[in-house]
Amino acid sequence: MGRSYFHLHLVSDSTGETLIAVSRAAASQYQGISAIEHIYPLVRTQNQIDRVIAELEAAPGIVLYTLVEKDLAQRLEAAARDYGCPCLSVLDPVLGLFQSYLGTASTQRPGAQHVLNAEYFKRIDALNYTMMHDDGQLPNDLESADVILVGISRTSKTPTSIYLANRGIKTANVPLVPGIPLPPDLERVRNPLVVGLIASPERIVQIRQNRLLSLNASDDTAYVDKLAVTEEITQSRKLFARHRWPAIDVTRRSIEETAAAILDLYKNHRLQSAAQ
């Protein structure tokens, strides 16, 4: 049975990240059906909404939007009705809930969540730190990290680090390579949370084989030998247990799920540190 498709129009007066995340979470619940995404970020003028309406007429489908300007929202709603398209303001139910509880209306500001405040610059600082400390770089500066990820090759250390950095967490990652000692500072750090990442041998071998294939490299190497990979994982488990570093199996986890588990560990780590 082939896949079926539908048009999904995401209209935002900001970056559209909220709409993309919400719509993809919803669409993932429907097997065999895929969305053809039409993404319209930074829609703040009548001319821009005209373009959206023209595309909606050409390819009717579901419309999700986050538009603060009522005139733009009303025009989009009216066009959606004319073309028989279901249309929803994604933030309205949430804002209504906040207003009913807080007893005051929100301040209408397009892109308010992306304002250049202290939180924003904290994320930029975390990203800079994380990129500079990727794959074992600058091992003498690990103490200033919030989180240090440790694992053998292809356990998703780098993408998980970048995801955490986007949440404002300064993250370093250190590879475990057979025959190469760990940075001395790693075993002496006091403030950062150190987390070990592991995966099944089958998963590691599969990813490594794909990596070698993309590089047109020979796969006649211990790098993709299942017994050798199993031994790497065994040694990494022993290392984590010896240092009492929590370990996360990333075999069946997405980057987002792995990061969520690390953030939970980090929250508890900070609470324990504050109590000492």
C-alpha atoms as a PDB file:
ATOM      1  CA  MET A   1       0.000   0.000   0.000  1.00  0.00           C
ATOM      2  CA  GLY A   2       1.501   3.374  -1.057  1.00  0.00           C
ATOM      3  CA  ARG A   3       1.774   6.447   1.088  1.00  0.00           C
ATOM      4  CA  SER A   4      -0.823   9.191   0.874  1.00  0.00           C
ATOM      5  CA  TYR A   5      -0.028  12.877   1.108  1.00  0.00           C
ATOM      6  CA  PHE A   6      -1.680  16.095   2.220  1.00  0.00           C
ATOM      7  CA  HIS A   7      -0.703  19.756   2.058  1.00  0.00           C
ATOM      8  CA  LEU A   8       0.174  21.418   5.348  1.00  0.00           C
ATOM      9  CA  HIS A   9       0.529  25.211   5.443  1.00  0.00           C
ATOM     10  CA  LEU A  10       2.496  26.621   8.399  1.00  0.00           C
ATOM     11  CA  VAL A  11       2.185  30.405   8.666  1.00  0.00           C
ATOM     12  CA  SER A  12       4.190  32.305  11.278  1.00  0.00           C
ATOM     13  CA  ASP A  13       5.147  35.875  12.062  1.00  0.00           C
ATOM     14  CA  SER A  14       8.345  34.473  13.601  1.00  0.00           C
ATOM     15  CA  THR A  15      10.700  31.630  12.615  1.00  0.00           C
ATOM     16  CA  GLY A  16       7.996  28.959  12.397  1.00  0.00           C
ATOM     17  CA  GLU A  17       9.853  26.607  14.742  1.00  0.00           C
ATOM     18  CA  THR A  18       6.844  26.234  17.057  1.00  0.00           C
ATOM     19  CA  LEU A  19       4.540  25.277  14.185  1.00  0.00           C
ATOM     20  CA  ILE A  20       7.053  22.851  12.699  1.00  0.00           C
ATOM     21  CA  ALA A  21       7.547  21.063  16.017  1.00  0.00           C
ATOM     22  CA  VAL A  22       3.827  20.825  16.794  1.00  0.00           C
ATOM     23  CA  SER A  23       2.767  19.750  13.304  1.00  0.00           C
ATOM     24  CA  ARG A  24       5.466  17.112  12.987  1.00  0.00           C
ATOM     25  CA  ALA A  25       4.609  15.683  16.400  1.00  0.00           C
ATOM     26  CA  ALA A  26       0.974  15.374  15.294  1.00  0.00           C
ATOM     27  CA  ALA A  27       1.745  14.051  11.793  1.00  0.00           C
ATOM     28  CA  SER A  28       4.034  11.347  13.195  1.00  0.00           C
ATOM     29  CA  GLN A  29       0.982   9.680  14.750  1.00  0.00           C
ATOM     30  CA  TYR A  30      -0.401   8.806  11.301  1.00  0.00           C
ATOM     31  CA  GLN A  31       1.375   5.925   9.604  1.00  0.00           C
ATOM     32  CA  GLY A  32       1.326   5.840   5.837  1.00  0.00           C
ATOM     33  CA  ILE A  33       0.451   9.536   5.566  1.00  0.00           C
ATOM     34  CA  SER A  34       2.999  12.290   4.920  1.00  0.00           C
ATOM     35  CA  ALA A  35       2.659  16.060   4.973  1.00  0.00           C
ATOM     36  CA  ILE A  36       3.852  18.230   2.114  1.00  0.00           C
ATOM     37  CA  GLU A  37       4.969  21.204   4.185  1.00  0.00           C
ATOM     38  CA  HIS A  38       4.549  24.780   2.982  1.00  0.00           C
ATOM     39  CA  ILE A  39       6.399  26.925   5.527  1.00  0.00           C
ATOM     40  CA  TYR A  40       5.958  30.724   5.597  1.00  0.00           C
ATOM     41  CA  PRO A  41       8.162  32.388   8.257  1.00  0.00           C
ATOM     42  CA  LEU A  42       8.193  36.093   9.177  1.00  0.00           C
ATOM     43  CA  VAL A  43       4.755  36.845   7.710  1.00  0.00           C
ATOM     44  CA  ARG A  44       4.063  40.396   8.924  1.00  0.00           C
ATOM     45  CA  THR A  45       2.638  42.336   5.958  1.00  0.00           C
ATOM     46  CA  GLN A  46      -0.446  42.229   3.739  1.00  0.00           C
ATOM     47  CA  ASN A  47       1.707  41.389   0.699  1.00  0.00           C
ATOM     48  CA  GLN A  48       3.169  38.408   2.500  1.00  0.00           C
ATOM     49  CA  ILE A  49      -0.261  37.116   3.502  1.00  0.00           C
ATOM     50  CA  ASP A  50      -1.361  37.537  -0.132  1.00  0.00           C
ATOM     51  CA  ARG A  51       1.353  35.106  -1.202  1.00  0.00           C
ATOM     52  CA  VAL A  52       0.269  32.626   1.460  1.00  0.00           C
ATOM     53  CA  ILE A  53      -3.360  32.827   0.312  1.00  0.00           C
ATOM     54  CA  ALA A  54      -2.332  32.312  -3.327  1.00  0.00           C
ATOM     55  CA  GLU A  55      -0.451  29.135  -2.418  1.00  0.00           C
ATOM     56  CA  LEU A  56      -3.346  27.974  -0.254  1.00  0.00           C
ATOM     57  CA  GLU A  57      -5.686  28.342  -3.225  1.00  0.00           C
ATOM     58  CA  ALA A  58      -3.296  26.362  -5.428  1.00  0.00           C
ATOM     59  CA  ALA A  59      -2.753  23.563  -2.897  1.00  0.00           C
ATOM     60  CA  PRO A  60      -5.572  23.385  -0.305  1.00  0.00           C
ATOM     61  CA  GLY A  61      -4.832  21.618   2.945  1.00  0.00           C
ATOM     62  CA  ILE A  62      -4.532  22.061   6.702  1.00  0.00           C
ATOM     63  CA  VAL A  63      -3.518  25.537   7.882  1.00  0.00           C
ATOM     64  CA  LEU A  64      -1.737  26.117  11.190  1.00  0.00           C
ATOM     65  CA  TYR A  65      -0.625  29.595  12.129  1.00  0.00           C
ATOM     66  CA  THR A  66       0.881  31.842  14.778  1.00  0.00           C
ATOM     67  CA  LEU A  67       0.044  35.422  13.798  1.00  0.00           C
ATOM     68  CA  VAL A  68      -0.171  38.195  16.379  1.00  0.00           C
ATOM     69  CA  GLU A  69      -1.594  40.807  13.970  1.00  0.00           C
ATOM     70  CA  LYS A  70      -5.369  40.293  14.013  1.00  0.00           C
ATOM     71  CA  ASP A  71      -5.872  41.692  10.483  1.00  0.00           C
ATOM     72  CA  LEU A  72      -3.493  39.124   9.030  1.00  0.00           C
ATOM     73  CA  ALA A  73      -5.021  36.304  11.051  1.00  0.00           C
ATOM     74  CA  GLN A  74      -8.553  37.262   9.996  1.00  0.00           C
ATOM     75  CA  ARG A  75      -7.589  37.387   6.301  1.00  0.00           C
ATOM     76  CA  LEU A  76      -5.955  33.974   6.554  1.00  0.00           C
ATOM     77  CA  GLU A  77      -8.978  32.518   8.381  1.00  0.00           C
ATOM     78  CA  ALA A  78     -11.369  33.938   5.755  1.00  0.00           C
ATOM     79  CA  ALA A  79      -9.317  32.516   2.871  1.00  0.00           C
ATOM     80  CA  ALA A  80      -9.142  29.121   4.561  1.00  0.00           C
ATOM     81  CA  ARG A  81     -12.945  29.079   4.896  1.00  0.00           C
ATOM     82  CA  ASP A  82     -13.342  30.041   1.221  1.00  0.00           C
ATOM     83  CA  TYR A  83     -11.113  27.169   0.111  1.00  0.00           C
ATOM     84  CA  GLY A  84     -12.557  24.629   2.560  1.00  0.00           C
ATOM     85  CA  CYS A  85      -9.338  24.336   4.559  1.00  0.00           C
ATOM     86  CA  PRO A  86      -9.324  23.566   8.299  1.00  0.00           C
ATOM     87  CA  CYS A  87      -7.449  26.381  10.028  1.00  0.00           C
ATOM     88  CA  LEU A  88      -6.137  26.686  13.577  1.00  0.00           C
ATOM     89  CA  SER A  89      -4.220  29.287  15.563  1.00  0.00           C
ATOM     90  CA  VAL A  90      -1.868  26.976  17.472  1.00  0.00           C
ATOM     91  CA  LEU A  91      -1.052  29.360  20.326  1.00  0.00           C
ATOM     92  CA  ASP A  92      -4.578  30.669  20.992  1.00  0.00           C
ATOM     93  CA  PRO A  93      -5.679  27.769  23.267  1.00  0.00           C
ATOM     94  CA  VAL A  94      -2.418  28.021  25.218  1.00  0.00           C
ATOM     95  CA  LEU A  95      -2.626  31.813  25.548  1.00  0.00           C
ATOM     96  CA  GLY A  96      -6.264  31.491  26.623  1.00  0.00           C
ATOM     97  CA  LEU A  97      -5.266  29.055  29.346  1.00  0.00           C
ATOM     98  CA  PHE A  98      -2.504  31.371  30.548  1.00  0.00           C
ATOM     99  CA  GLN A  99      -4.865  34.350  30.553  1.00  0.00           C
ATOM    100  CA  SER A 100      -7.560  32.526  32.517  1.00  0.00           C
ATOM    101  CA  TYR A 101      -5.023  31.524  35.156  1.00  0.00           C
ATOM    102  CA  LEU A 102      -2.878  34.668  35.279  1.00  0.00           C
ATOM    103  CA  GLY A 103      -5.833  37.037  34.914  1.00  0.00           C
ATOM    104  CA  THR A 104      -4.218  39.273  32.327  1.00  0.00           C
ATOM    105  CA  ALA A 105      -3.907  39.354  28.560  1.00  0.00           C
ATOM    106  CA  SER A 106      -0.580  38.669  26.882  1.00  0.00           C
ATOM    107  CA  THR A 107       1.513  41.407  25.299  1.00  0.00           C
ATOM    108  CA  GLN A 108       1.129  40.986  21.549  1.00  0.00           C
ATOM    109  CA  ARG A 109       4.657  40.871  20.115  1.00  0.00           C
ATOM    110  CA  PRO A 110       5.601  38.944  16.960  1.00  0.00           C
ATOM    111  CA  GLY A 111       8.620  36.734  17.586  1.00  0.00           C
ATOM    112  CA  ALA A 112       8.682  37.594  21.270  1.00  0.00           C
ATOM    113  CA  GLN A 113      10.208  34.210  22.110  1.00  0.00           C
ATOM    114  CA  HIS A 114      13.298  35.149  20.076  1.00  0.00           C
ATOM    115  CA  VAL A 115      14.046  38.455  21.780  1.00  0.00           C
ATOM    116  CA  LEU A 116      17.769  39.105  22.364  1.00  0.00           C
ATOM    117  CA  ASN A 117      17.704  38.657  26.124  1.00  0.00           C
ATOM    118  CA  ALA A 118      20.106  37.026  28.573  1.00  0.00           C
ATOM    119  CA  GLU A 119      18.697  33.584  27.799  1.00  0.00           C
ATOM    120  CA  TYR A 120      19.433  34.060  24.101  1.00  0.00           C
ATOM    121  CA  PHE A 121      23.049  35.018  24.714  1.00  0.00           C
ATOM    122  CA  LYS A 122      23.396  32.076  27.109  1.00  0.00           C
ATOM    123  CA  ARG A 123      22.436  29.753  24.233  1.00  0.00           C
ATOM    124  CA  ILE A 124      24.933  31.417  21.886  1.00  0.00           C
ATOM    125  CA  ASP A 125      27.669  31.078  24.522  1.00  0.00           C
ATOM    126  CA  ALA A 126      26.758  27.410  24.995  1.00  0.00           C
ATOM    127  CA  LEU A 127      26.898  26.785  21.237  1.00  0.00           C
ATOM    128  CA  ASN A 128      30.318  28.434  20.962  1.00  0.00           C
ATOM    129  CA  TYR A 129      31.643  26.355  23.859  1.00  0.00           C
ATOM    130  CA  THR A 130      30.167  23.147  22.481  1.00  0.00           C
ATOM    131  CA  MET A 131      31.598  23.582  18.980  1.00  0.00           C
ATOM    132  CA  MET A 132      35.043  24.318  20.431  1.00  0.00           C
ATOM    133  CA  HIS A 133      34.909  21.210  22.647  1.00  0.00           C
ATOM    134  CA  ASP A 134      33.560  18.740  20.102  1.00  0.00           C
ATOM    135  CA  ASP A 135      35.218  15.321  19.734  1.00  0.00           C
ATOM    136  CA  GLY A 136      37.747  15.760  22.537  1.00  0.00           C
ATOM    137  CA  GLN A 137      39.017  19.221  21.569  1.00  0.00           C
ATOM    138  CA  LEU A 138      40.455  21.472  24.306  1.00  0.00           C
ATOM    139  CA  PRO A 139      40.564  18.665  26.921  1.00  0.00           C
ATOM    140  CA  ASN A 140      42.176  20.959  29.503  1.00  0.00           C
ATOM    141  CA  ASP A 141      39.028  23.095  29.705  1.00  0.00           C
ATOM    142  CA  LEU A 142      36.466  20.408  30.609  1.00  0.00           C
ATOM    143  CA  GLU A 143      35.781  21.746  34.095  1.00  0.00           C
ATOM    144  CA  SER A 144      33.882  24.713  32.660  1.00  0.00           C
ATOM    145  CA  ALA A 145      31.355  22.461  30.908  1.00  0.00           C
ATOM    146  CA  ASP A 146      27.850  21.890  32.237  1.00  0.00           C
ATOM    147  CA  VAL A 147      27.683  18.405  30.715  1.00  0.00           C
ATOM    148  CA  ILE A 148      30.348  16.091  29.280  1.00  0.00           C
ATOM    149  CA  LEU A 149      29.265  13.249  26.989  1.00  0.00           C
ATOM    150  CA  VAL A 150      31.544  10.219  26.734  1.00  0.00           C
ATOM    151  CA  GLY A 151      31.173   7.313  24.343  1.00  0.00           C
ATOM    152  CA  ILE A 152      32.669   5.259  21.538  1.00  0.00           C
ATOM    153  CA  SER A 153      32.442   6.406  17.938  1.00  0.00           C
ATOM    154  CA  ARG A 154      28.912   6.741  16.476  1.00  0.00           C
ATOM    155  CA  THR A 155      26.957   7.036  19.724  1.00  0.00           C
ATOM    156  CA  SER A 156      25.494  10.413  18.614  1.00  0.00           C
ATOM    157  CA  LYS A 157      27.710  12.495  20.875  1.00  0.00           C
ATOM    158  CA  THR A 158      28.028  15.505  18.559  1.00  0.00           C
ATOM    159  CA  PRO A 159      24.358  15.950  17.536  1.00  0.00           C
ATOM    160  CA  THR A 160      23.257  15.446  21.146  1.00  0.00           C
ATOM    161  CA  SER A 161      25.819  18.036  22.276  1.00  0.00           C
ATOM    162  CA  ILE A 162      24.540  20.581  19.764  1.00  0.00           C
ATOM    163  CA  TYR A 163      20.924  19.942  20.782  1.00  0.00           C
ATOM    164  CA  LEU A 164      21.831  20.515  24.448  1.00  0.00           C
ATOM    165  CA  ALA A 165      23.738  23.673  23.529  1.00  0.00           C
ATOM    166  CA  ASN A 166      20.577  24.990  21.888  1.00  0.00           C
ATOM    167  CA  ARG A 167      18.983  24.604  25.304  1.00  0.00           C
ATOM    168  CA  GLY A 168      21.750  26.695  26.879  1.00  0.00           C
ATOM    169  CA  ILE A 169      23.795  23.759  28.221  1.00  0.00           C
ATOM    170  CA  LYS A 170      27.554  24.034  27.627  1.00  0.00           C
ATOM    171  CA  THR A 171      28.398  20.528  26.440  1.00  0.00           C
ATOM    172  CA  ALA A 172      31.745  18.891  25.709  1.00  0.00           C
ATOM    173  CA  ASN A 173      32.066  15.425  24.236  1.00  0.00           C
ATOM    174  CA  VAL A 174      34.969  13.012  24.529  1.00  0.00           C
ATOM    175  CA  PRO A 175      35.400   9.966  22.255  1.00  0.00           C
ATOM    176  CA  LEU A 176      36.508   6.607  23.619  1.00  0.00           C
ATOM    177  CA  VAL A 177      39.096   5.260  21.171  1.00  0.00           C
ATOM    178  CA  PRO A 178      40.789   1.862  21.716  1.00  0.00           C
ATOM    179  CA  GLY A 179      44.421   2.314  22.716  1.00  0.00           C
ATOM    180  CA  ILE A 180      44.126   6.049  23.364  1.00  0.00           C
ATOM    181  CA  PRO A 181      44.015   7.186  27.027  1.00  0.00           C
ATOM    182  CA  LEU A 182      41.324   9.517  28.295  1.00  0.00           C
ATOM    183  CA  PRO A 183      42.188  13.168  28.921  1.00  0.00           C
ATOM    184  CA  PRO A 184      43.466  13.335  32.519  1.00  0.00           C
ATOM    185  CA  ASP A 185      41.128  16.242  33.289  1.00  0.00           C
ATOM    186  CA  LEU A 186      38.060  14.132  32.473  1.00  0.00           C
ATOM    187  CA  GLU A 187      38.610  11.849  35.447  1.00  0.00           C
ATOM    188  CA  ARG A 188      39.209  14.830  37.772  1.00  0.00           C
ATOM    189  CA  VAL A 189      36.247  17.084  36.909  1.00  0.00           C
ATOM    190  CA  ARG A 190      34.041  18.060  39.831  1.00  0.00           C
ATOM    191  CA  ASN A 191      31.321  20.399  38.601  1.00  0.00           C
ATOM    192  CA  PRO A 192      30.150  19.015  35.225  1.00  0.00           C
ATOM    193  CA  LEU A 193      27.742  16.125  34.874  1.00  0.00           C
ATOM    194  CA  VAL A 194      29.485  13.317  32.965  1.00  0.00           C
ATOM    195  CA  VAL A 195      27.172  11.017  31.005  1.00  0.00           C
ATOM    196  CA  GLY A 196      28.145   7.874  29.129  1.00  0.00           C
ATOM    197  CA  LEU A 197      26.448   7.019  25.837  1.00  0.00           C
ATOM    198  CA  ILE A 198      26.183   3.420  24.643  1.00  0.00           C
ATOM    199  CA  ALA A 199      24.362   1.534  21.908  1.00  0.00           C
ATOM    200  CA  SER A 200      23.963  -2.053  20.738  1.00  0.00           C
ATOM    201  CA  PRO A 201      26.845  -3.546  18.720  1.00  0.00           C
ATOM    202  CA  GLU A 202      24.489  -4.100  15.777  1.00  0.00           C
ATOM    203  CA  ARG A 203      23.500  -0.450  15.706  1.00  0.00           C
ATOM    204  CA  ILE A 204      27.082   0.804  15.999  1.00  0.00           C
ATOM    205  CA  VAL A 205      28.306  -1.512  13.227  1.00  0.00           C
ATOM    206  CA  GLN A 206      25.459  -0.434  10.938  1.00  0.00           C
ATOM    207  CA  ILE A 207      26.178   3.284  11.401  1.00  0.00           C
ATOM    208  CA  ARG A 208      29.939   2.799  11.031  1.00  0.00           C
ATOM    209  CA  GLN A 209      29.491   0.772   7.835  1.00  0.00           C
ATOM    210  CA  ASN A 210      27.354   3.547   6.389  1.00  0.00           C
ATOM    211  CA  ARG A 211      30.026   6.040   7.405  1.00  0.00           C
ATOM    212  CA  LEU A 212      32.773   4.085   5.638  1.00  0.00           C
ATOM    213  CA  LEU A 213      30.566   3.649   2.584  1.00  0.00           C
ATOM    214  CA  SER A 214      30.043   7.407   2.341  1.00  0.00           C
ATOM    215  CA  LEU A 215      33.827   7.859   2.465  1.00  0.00           C
ATOM    216  CA  ASN A 216      34.477   5.081  -0.090  1.00  0.00           C
ATOM    217  CA  ALA A 217      36.712   3.448   2.532  1.00  0.00           C
ATOM    218  CA  SER A 218      37.390  -0.256   3.029  1.00  0.00           C
ATOM    219  CA  ASP A 219      35.261  -2.022   5.640  1.00  0.00           C
ATOM    220  CA  ASP A 220      37.978  -4.608   6.332  1.00  0.00           C
ATOM    221  CA  THR A 221      38.770  -3.078   9.694  1.00  0.00           C
ATOM    222  CA  ALA A 222      38.139  -3.608  13.409  1.00  0.00           C
ATOM    223  CA  TYR A 223      36.121  -0.388  13.273  1.00  0.00           C
ATOM    224  CA  VAL A 224      33.159  -2.395  11.921  1.00  0.00           C
ATOM    225  CA  ASP A 225      34.017  -5.835  13.310  1.00  0.00           C
ATOM    226  CA  LYS A 226      31.172  -6.892  15.590  1.00  0.00           C
ATOM    227  CA  LEU A 227      33.408  -8.619  18.138  1.00  0.00           C
ATOM    228  CA  ALA A 228      35.716  -5.613  18.323  1.00  0.00           C
ATOM    229  CA  VAL A 229      32.769  -3.226  18.650  1.00  0.00           C
ATOM    230  CA  THR A 230      31.242  -5.402  21.379  1.00  0.00           C
ATOM    231  CA  GLU A 231      34.539  -5.199  23.284  1.00  0.00           C
ATOM    232  CA  GLU A 232      34.565  -1.379  22.900  1.00  0.00           C
ATOM    233  CA  ILE A 233      31.069  -1.204  24.382  1.00  0.00           C
ATOM    234  CA  THR A 234      31.991  -3.572  27.225  1.00  0.00           C
ATOM    235  CA  GLN A 235      35.018  -1.465  28.137  1.00  0.00           C
ATOM    236  CA  SER A 236      32.970   1.745  27.997  1.00  0.00           C
ATOM    237  CA  ARG A 237      30.381   0.221  30.358  1.00  0.00           C
ATOM    238  CA  LYS A 238      33.167  -0.711  32.791  1.00  0.00           C
ATOM    239  CA  LEU A 239      34.566   2.829  32.613  1.00  0.00           C
ATOM    240  CA  PHE A 240      31.175   4.386  33.344  1.00  0.00           C
ATOM    241  CA  ALA A 241      30.553   1.991  36.252  1.00  0.00           C
ATOM    242  CA  ARG A 242      34.019   2.631  37.715  1.00  0.00           C
ATOM    243  CA  HIS A 243      33.442   6.387  37.796  1.00  0.00           C
ATOM    244  CA  ARG A 244      29.743   6.081  38.632  1.00  0.00           C
ATOM    245  CA  TRP A 245      28.834   8.039  35.532  1.00  0.00           C
ATOM    246  CA  PRO A 246      25.222   7.502  34.467  1.00  0.00           C
ATOM    247  CA  ALA A 247      24.896   5.747  31.111  1.00  0.00           C
ATOM    248  CA  ILE A 248      22.179   6.119  28.476  1.00  0.00           C
ATOM    249  CA  ASP A 249      21.501   3.537  25.771  1.00  0.00           C
ATOM    250  CA  VAL A 250      20.837   5.504  22.587  1.00  0.00           C
ATOM    251  CA  THR A 251      20.038   2.479  20.394  1.00  0.00           C
ATOM    252  CA  ARG A 252      16.325   3.228  20.065  1.00  0.00           C
ATOM    253  CA  ARG A 253      16.319   6.843  21.193  1.00  0.00           C
ATOM    254  CA  SER A 254      16.065   9.921  19.029  1.00  0.00           C
ATOM    255  CA  ILE A 255      18.477  12.788  19.705  1.00  0.00           C
ATOM    256  CA  GLU A 256      15.596  14.664  21.377  1.00  0.00           C
ATOM    257  CA  GLU A 257      14.817  11.731  23.688  1.00  0.00           C
ATOM    258  CA  THR A 258      18.464  11.304  24.638  1.00  0.00           C
ATOM    259  CA  ALA A 259      18.779  15.033  25.347  1.00  0.00           C
ATOM    260  CA  ALA A 260      15.608  14.986  27.464  1.00  0.00           C
ATOM    261  CA  ALA A 261      17.047  12.182  29.600  1.00  0.00           C
ATOM    262  CA  ILE A 262      20.324  14.098  29.999  1.00  0.00           C
ATOM    263  CA  LEU A 263      18.496  17.302  30.958  1.00  0.00           C
ATOM    264  CA  ASP A 264      16.635  15.368  33.650  1.00  0.00           C
ATOM    265  CA  LEU A 265      19.936  13.991  34.983  1.00  0.00           C
ATOM    266  CA  TYR A 266      21.444  17.483  34.833  1.00  0.00           C
ATOM    267  CA  LYS A 267      18.587  18.965  36.856  1.00  0.00           C
ATOM    268  CA  ASN A 268      19.121  16.367  39.583  1.00  0.00           C
ATOM    269  CA  HIS A 269      22.887  16.891  39.400  1.00  0.00           C
ATOM    270  CA  ARG A 270      22.480  20.617  40.041  1.00  0.00           C
ATOM    271  CA  LEU A 271      20.125  19.998  42.951  1.00  0.00           C
ATOM    272  CA  GLN A 272      22.608  17.591  44.541  1.00  0.00           C
ATOM    273  CA  SER A 273      25.477  20.033  43.988  1.00  0.00           C
ATOM    274  CA  ALA A 274      23.504  22.863  45.579  1.00  0.00           C
ATOM    275  CA  ALA A 275      22.728  20.702  48.601  1.00  0.00           C
ATOM    276  CA  GLN A 276      26.399  19.938  49.261  1.00  0.00           C
END
